[in-house]
Amino acid sequence: MSLFNSVPVYIAAFFLIINVLTFFAFALDKYLAKRALWRVSESALLTLAAFGGAVGATLAQRLLRHKTQKQPFKTILMFISVIQLLLITWFGFAS
């Protein structure tokens, strides 16, 4: 049985929602940055990524070209993404 067949719908829905929310938080921050307005904090963006939104954060970073050079933000986001990938892989093989 594959990992995707064994994931409950509510968990899949949570990850879909958190990743869409994270993507839009990055988009909002980019929009605000272009207009020199009050920004979404880096800690808020990284928190969304850490709570499951790493895919949305990485997609936003790439597609919107936002926070691609900012350190240590870039390194922390990469670390969060690797940890989430390892957890997904581990849970996939554990089930």
C-alpha atoms as a PDB file:
ATOM      1  CA  MET A   1       0.000   0.000   0.000  1.00  0.00           C
ATOM      2  CA  SER A   2       1.390   3.403  -0.910  1.00  0.00           C
ATOM      3  CA  LEU A   3       1.787   6.336   1.449  1.00  0.00           C
ATOM      4  CA  PHE A   4      -0.850   8.380  -0.383  1.00  0.00           C
ATOM      5  CA  ASN A   5      -3.452   5.636  -0.083  1.00  0.00           C
ATOM      6  CA  SER A   6      -2.959   5.451   3.690  1.00  0.00           C
ATOM      7  CA  VAL A   7      -3.084   9.201   4.490  1.00  0.00           C
ATOM      8  CA  PRO A   8      -6.399  10.252   6.044  1.00  0.00           C
ATOM      9  CA  VAL A   9      -8.291  12.929   4.109  1.00  0.00           C
ATOM     10  CA  TYR A  10      -8.108  15.450   6.965  1.00  0.00           C
ATOM     11  CA  ILE A  11      -4.294  15.217   7.073  1.00  0.00           C
ATOM     12  CA  ALA A  12      -4.025  15.655   3.301  1.00  0.00           C
ATOM     13  CA  ALA A  13      -6.443  18.613   3.515  1.00  0.00           C
ATOM     14  CA  PHE A  14      -4.359  20.185   6.294  1.00  0.00           C
ATOM     15  CA  PHE A  15      -1.165  19.979   4.216  1.00  0.00           C
ATOM     16  CA  LEU A  16      -2.912  21.355   1.139  1.00  0.00           C
ATOM     17  CA  ILE A  17      -4.317  24.288   3.139  1.00  0.00           C
ATOM     18  CA  ILE A  18      -1.074  25.099   4.999  1.00  0.00           C
ATOM     19  CA  ASN A  19       0.913  25.048   1.748  1.00  0.00           C
ATOM     20  CA  VAL A  20      -1.568  27.293  -0.085  1.00  0.00           C
ATOM     21  CA  LEU A  21      -1.627  29.647   2.920  1.00  0.00           C
ATOM     22  CA  THR A  22       2.175  29.711   3.023  1.00  0.00           C
ATOM     23  CA  PHE A  23       2.395  30.436  -0.695  1.00  0.00           C
ATOM     24  CA  PHE A  24      -0.020  33.356  -0.324  1.00  0.00           C
ATOM     25  CA  ALA A  25       1.857  34.668   2.724  1.00  0.00           C
ATOM     26  CA  PHE A  26       5.025  34.817   0.599  1.00  0.00           C
ATOM     27  CA  ALA A  27       3.059  36.487  -2.221  1.00  0.00           C
ATOM     28  CA  LEU A  28       1.648  39.043   0.220  1.00  0.00           C
ATOM     29  CA  ASP A  29       5.119  39.770   1.581  1.00  0.00           C
ATOM     30  CA  LYS A  30       6.455  40.287  -1.944  1.00  0.00           C
ATOM     31  CA  TYR A  31       3.537  42.605  -2.745  1.00  0.00           C
ATOM     32  CA  LEU A  32       4.136  44.628   0.428  1.00  0.00           C
ATOM     33  CA  ALA A  33       7.896  44.746  -0.194  1.00  0.00           C
ATOM     34  CA  LYS A  34       7.410  46.237  -3.660  1.00  0.00           C
ATOM     35  CA  ARG A  35       5.293  48.999  -2.137  1.00  0.00           C
ATOM     36  CA  ALA A  36       7.600  49.626   0.855  1.00  0.00           C
ATOM     37  CA  LEU A  37       4.782  48.775   3.278  1.00  0.00           C
ATOM     38  CA  TRP A  38       4.731  46.888   6.575  1.00  0.00           C
ATOM     39  CA  ARG A  39       5.941  43.337   5.820  1.00  0.00           C
ATOM     40  CA  VAL A  40       5.128  39.796   6.885  1.00  0.00           C
ATOM     41  CA  SER A  41       7.853  38.851   9.352  1.00  0.00           C
ATOM     42  CA  GLU A  42      10.440  36.266   8.388  1.00  0.00           C
ATOM     43  CA  SER A  43       9.617  34.360  11.563  1.00  0.00           C
ATOM     44  CA  ALA A  44       5.955  34.126  10.475  1.00  0.00           C
ATOM     45  CA  LEU A  45       6.969  32.852   7.030  1.00  0.00           C
ATOM     46  CA  LEU A  46       9.354  30.283   8.516  1.00  0.00           C
ATOM     47  CA  THR A  47       6.754  29.209  11.096  1.00  0.00           C
ATOM     48  CA  LEU A  48       4.237  28.506   8.332  1.00  0.00           C
ATOM     49  CA  ALA A  49       6.915  26.498   6.512  1.00  0.00           C
ATOM     50  CA  ALA A  50       7.814  24.579   9.673  1.00  0.00           C
ATOM     51  CA  PHE A  51       4.198  23.640  10.359  1.00  0.00           C
ATOM     52  CA  GLY A  52       3.945  21.840   7.042  1.00  0.00           C
ATOM     53  CA  GLY A  53       4.122  24.599   4.445  1.00  0.00           C
ATOM     54  CA  ALA A  54       7.654  23.972   3.180  1.00  0.00           C
ATOM     55  CA  VAL A  55       6.452  23.001  -0.290  1.00  0.00           C
ATOM     56  CA  GLY A  56       4.361  26.167  -0.606  1.00  0.00           C
ATOM     57  CA  ALA A  57       7.256  28.259   0.714  1.00  0.00           C
ATOM     58  CA  THR A  58       9.738  26.734  -1.711  1.00  0.00           C
ATOM     59  CA  LEU A  59       7.368  27.108  -4.661  1.00  0.00           C
ATOM     60  CA  ALA A  60       6.678  30.737  -3.760  1.00  0.00           C
ATOM     61  CA  GLN A  61      10.365  31.420  -3.324  1.00  0.00           C
ATOM     62  CA  ARG A  62      11.096  30.037  -6.784  1.00  0.00           C
ATOM     63  CA  LEU A  63       8.057  31.265  -8.726  1.00  0.00           C
ATOM     64  CA  LEU A  64       7.888  34.720  -7.150  1.00  0.00           C
ATOM     65  CA  ARG A  65      11.661  35.112  -6.873  1.00  0.00           C
ATOM     66  CA  HIS A  66      11.200  36.186  -3.290  1.00  0.00           C
ATOM     67  CA  LYS A  67      13.777  35.762  -0.514  1.00  0.00           C
ATOM     68  CA  THR A  68      16.034  33.660  -2.728  1.00  0.00           C
ATOM     69  CA  GLN A  69      19.263  35.326  -1.554  1.00  0.00           C
ATOM     70  CA  LYS A  70      18.333  36.356   1.997  1.00  0.00           C
ATOM     71  CA  GLN A  71      20.515  34.591   4.580  1.00  0.00           C
ATOM     72  CA  PRO A  72      20.032  32.894   6.993  1.00  0.00           C
ATOM     73  CA  PHE A  73      16.395  32.706   5.804  1.00  0.00           C
ATOM     74  CA  LYS A  74      17.305  30.629   2.733  1.00  0.00           C
ATOM     75  CA  THR A  75      19.350  28.149   4.770  1.00  0.00           C
ATOM     76  CA  ILE A  76      16.691  27.776   7.468  1.00  0.00           C
ATOM     77  CA  LEU A  77      13.988  27.174   4.850  1.00  0.00           C
ATOM     78  CA  MET A  78      16.171  24.568   3.153  1.00  0.00           C
ATOM     79  CA  PHE A  79      16.728  22.861   6.531  1.00  0.00           C
ATOM     80  CA  ILE A  80      12.964  22.813   7.228  1.00  0.00           C
ATOM     81  CA  SER A  81      12.318  21.365   3.756  1.00  0.00           C
ATOM     82  CA  VAL A  82      14.911  18.609   4.183  1.00  0.00           C
ATOM     83  CA  ILE A  83      13.526  17.660   7.617  1.00  0.00           C
ATOM     84  CA  GLN A  84       9.988  17.473   6.212  1.00  0.00           C
ATOM     85  CA  LEU A  85      11.155  15.391   3.247  1.00  0.00           C
ATOM     86  CA  LEU A  86      12.956  12.991   5.598  1.00  0.00           C
ATOM     87  CA  LEU A  87       9.852  12.708   7.809  1.00  0.00           C
ATOM     88  CA  ILE A  88       7.598  12.029   4.832  1.00  0.00           C
ATOM     89  CA  THR A  89      10.029   9.406   3.561  1.00  0.00           C
ATOM     90  CA  TRP A  90      10.327   7.810   6.991  1.00  0.00           C
ATOM     91  CA  PHE A  91       6.554   7.680   7.524  1.00  0.00           C
ATOM     92  CA  GLY A  92       6.141   6.333   3.998  1.00  0.00           C
ATOM     93  CA  PHE A  93       8.451   3.402   4.689  1.00  0.00           C
ATOM     94  CA  ALA A  94       7.155   2.911   8.236  1.00  0.00           C
ATOM     95  CA  SER A  95       3.571   2.310   7.087  1.00  0.00           C
END
